[in-house]
Amino acid sequence: MIEYNALRDAICYGREGQSKDSLNAMVGTLIDYFILPQEQAEYSLSGRACRSIPNSKPKKPFPVSTIDAMTNFILPRWKTWHNNDLSKEQIKAAITAKLVNRHSKTKKKNLKGQQQNVEDDIFGGEANNNGLLDNNQQIEENDTA
């Protein structure tokens, strides 16, 4: 059973407007409930390897039961709220957008972590983002000298 607040938020986003952004926000809220944000980057809608990256590993396929549950929840309500039809393909596109967004955020976070590790190696772990000692470190060094 899904949490009340997640459903409320999803409904609020869905009722906001007829745009793709409203649908993406609604689907994203539901996905955040079903799959932890840290795990979302491990999934793709199809579960196939990336065709543009040679020898890439396939990701886990997004659970079909979750797609069906979201589709069965969204489709009848969308028509009631906006008087227009929404297709299952549009919902799948919103799921893909959420998963790609999460993958990009995770990849960017990992790259920042690698950059920080390189800076620590270069500056001995005592540098801030500019490669300079911060005020607290300078004061501690002056006190010990």
Protein backbone atom coordinates (compact mmCIF):
# COMPACT_ATOMS: atom_id res chain seq x y z
CA MET A 1 0.00 0.00 0.00
CA ILE A 2 1.33 3.42 -0.94
CA GLU A 3 1.79 6.15 1.63
CA TYR A 4 -0.92 8.81 1.84
CA ASN A 5 1.47 11.78 1.48
CA ALA A 6 3.05 10.34 -1.67
CA LEU A 7 -0.40 9.93 -3.26
CA ARG A 8 -1.45 13.40 -2.18
CA ASP A 9 1.68 14.96 -3.67
CA ALA A 10 1.31 12.97 -6.90
CA ILE A 11 -2.32 14.06 -7.24
CA CYS A 12 -1.40 17.71 -6.59
CA TYR A 13 1.28 17.60 -9.30
CA GLY A 14 -1.05 15.87 -11.74
CA ARG A 15 -3.86 18.37 -11.24
CA GLU A 16 -1.56 21.39 -11.69
CA GLY A 17 -1.68 21.37 -15.44
CA GLN A 18 -1.85 19.41 -18.66
CA SER A 19 1.83 19.80 -19.44
CA LYS A 20 4.52 17.17 -19.64
CA ASP A 21 6.11 18.78 -16.58
CA SER A 22 3.04 18.01 -14.47
CA LEU A 23 3.00 14.41 -15.65
CA ASN A 24 6.75 14.06 -15.01
CA ALA A 25 6.37 15.47 -11.49
CA MET A 26 3.47 13.13 -10.77
CA VAL A 27 5.31 10.06 -12.07
CA GLY A 28 8.52 11.10 -10.32
CA THR A 29 6.73 11.34 -6.98
CA LEU A 30 5.29 7.86 -7.40
CA ILE A 31 8.65 6.40 -8.46
CA ASP A 32 10.30 7.98 -5.40
CA TYR A 33 7.85 6.05 -3.26
CA PHE A 34 8.27 2.69 -5.01
CA ILE A 35 12.06 2.78 -5.45
CA LEU A 36 14.60 4.51 -3.23
CA PRO A 37 16.32 7.45 -4.96
CA GLN A 38 19.75 5.83 -4.48
CA GLU A 39 18.53 2.73 -6.35
CA GLN A 40 16.74 4.49 -9.22
CA ALA A 41 19.95 4.95 -11.21
CA GLU A 42 20.26 1.16 -11.41
CA TYR A 43 17.08 0.84 -13.49
CA SER A 44 16.05 1.48 -17.08
CA LEU A 45 12.64 1.05 -18.61
CA SER A 46 13.76 -1.73 -20.94
CA GLY A 47 16.57 -3.28 -18.93
CA ARG A 48 18.82 -3.42 -21.99
CA ALA A 49 22.40 -2.27 -22.30
CA CYS A 50 23.06 1.15 -23.79
CA ARG A 51 23.46 0.84 -27.55
CA SER A 52 25.72 3.87 -27.85
CA ILE A 53 28.25 2.65 -25.26
CA PRO A 54 30.15 -0.46 -26.35
CA ASN A 55 30.32 -3.27 -23.77
CA SER A 56 28.02 -1.47 -21.36
CA LYS A 57 26.25 -3.50 -18.72
CA PRO A 58 22.47 -3.74 -18.90
CA LYS A 59 20.56 -2.12 -16.08
CA LYS A 60 17.76 -3.80 -14.17
CA PRO A 61 14.42 -3.54 -15.97
CA PHE A 62 11.91 -1.27 -14.29
CA PRO A 63 9.28 -3.52 -12.64
CA VAL A 64 6.31 -4.10 -14.96
CA SER A 65 3.99 -4.32 -11.96
CA THR A 66 5.00 -0.80 -10.93
CA ILE A 67 4.42 0.51 -14.46
CA ASP A 68 0.98 -1.11 -14.48
CA ALA A 69 0.12 0.24 -11.02
CA MET A 70 1.12 3.79 -12.00
CA THR A 71 -0.70 3.55 -15.32
CA ASN A 72 -3.88 2.27 -13.65
CA PHE A 73 -3.65 5.10 -11.13
CA ILE A 74 -2.86 7.94 -13.53
CA LEU A 75 -4.89 7.28 -16.70
CA PRO A 76 -8.46 7.53 -15.30
CA ARG A 77 -7.62 10.51 -13.10
CA TRP A 78 -5.83 12.44 -15.85
CA LYS A 79 -8.87 12.22 -18.10
CA THR A 80 -11.11 13.46 -15.27
CA TRP A 81 -8.83 16.37 -14.38
CA HIS A 82 -7.91 17.57 -17.85
CA ASN A 83 -10.55 16.25 -20.26
CA ASN A 84 -7.93 14.81 -22.58
CA ASP A 85 -6.47 11.39 -23.14
CA LEU A 86 -3.10 10.30 -21.95
CA SER A 87 -1.39 7.23 -23.36
CA LYS A 88 0.59 4.54 -21.61
CA GLU A 89 3.54 5.56 -23.82
CA GLN A 90 3.48 9.07 -22.34
CA ILE A 91 3.63 7.59 -18.86
CA LYS A 92 6.55 5.37 -19.93
CA ALA A 93 8.31 8.45 -21.32
CA ALA A 94 7.86 10.18 -17.95
CA ILE A 95 9.31 7.12 -16.18
CA THR A 96 12.28 7.15 -18.54
CA ALA A 97 12.81 10.87 -17.91
CA LYS A 98 12.89 10.28 -14.15
CA LEU A 99 15.32 7.36 -14.40
CA VAL A 100 17.65 9.22 -16.78
CA ASN A 101 17.57 12.26 -14.50
CA ARG A 102 18.49 10.12 -11.49
CA HIS A 103 21.25 8.40 -13.46
CA SER A 104 22.69 11.78 -14.48
CA LYS A 105 22.62 13.07 -10.89
CA THR A 106 24.32 9.93 -9.61
CA LYS A 107 26.96 10.08 -12.34
CA LYS A 108 27.63 13.76 -11.63
CA LYS A 109 27.89 13.06 -7.88
CA ASN A 110 30.37 10.25 -8.52
CA LEU A 111 32.47 12.50 -10.77
CA LYS A 112 32.55 15.19 -8.08
CA GLY A 113 33.67 12.58 -5.56
CA GLN A 114 36.46 11.46 -7.89
CA GLN A 115 37.52 15.08 -8.42
CA GLN A 116 37.62 15.63 -4.65
CA ASN A 117 39.77 12.51 -4.24
CA VAL A 118 42.22 13.82 -6.84
CA GLU A 119 42.37 17.20 -5.11
CA ASP A 120 42.99 15.48 -1.78
CA ASP A 121 45.84 13.53 -3.34
CA ILE A 122 47.35 16.66 -4.87
CA PHE A 123 46.91 18.98 -1.88
CA GLY A 124 47.31 16.43 0.89
CA GLY A 125 43.68 16.49 2.01
CA GLU A 126 43.95 19.95 3.58
CA ALA A 127 42.64 22.03 0.72
CA ASN A 128 39.25 23.54 0.13
CA ASN A 129 37.71 23.92 -3.33
CA ASN A 130 40.22 26.59 -4.32
CA GLY A 131 43.26 24.61 -3.20
CA LEU A 132 43.86 27.01 -0.31
CA LEU A 133 43.79 26.39 3.42
CA ASP A 134 40.66 27.68 5.06
CA ASN A 135 40.75 30.08 8.02
CA ASN A 136 40.25 27.36 10.67
CA GLN A 137 43.17 25.35 9.33
CA GLN A 138 45.39 28.44 9.23
CA ILE A 139 44.51 29.31 12.84
CA GLU A 140 45.20 25.72 13.98
CA GLU A 141 48.56 25.76 12.20
CA ASN A 142 49.45 29.09 13.82
CA ASP A 143 48.46 27.79 17.28
CA THR A 144 50.62 24.68 16.94
CA ALA A 145 53.64 26.62 15.61
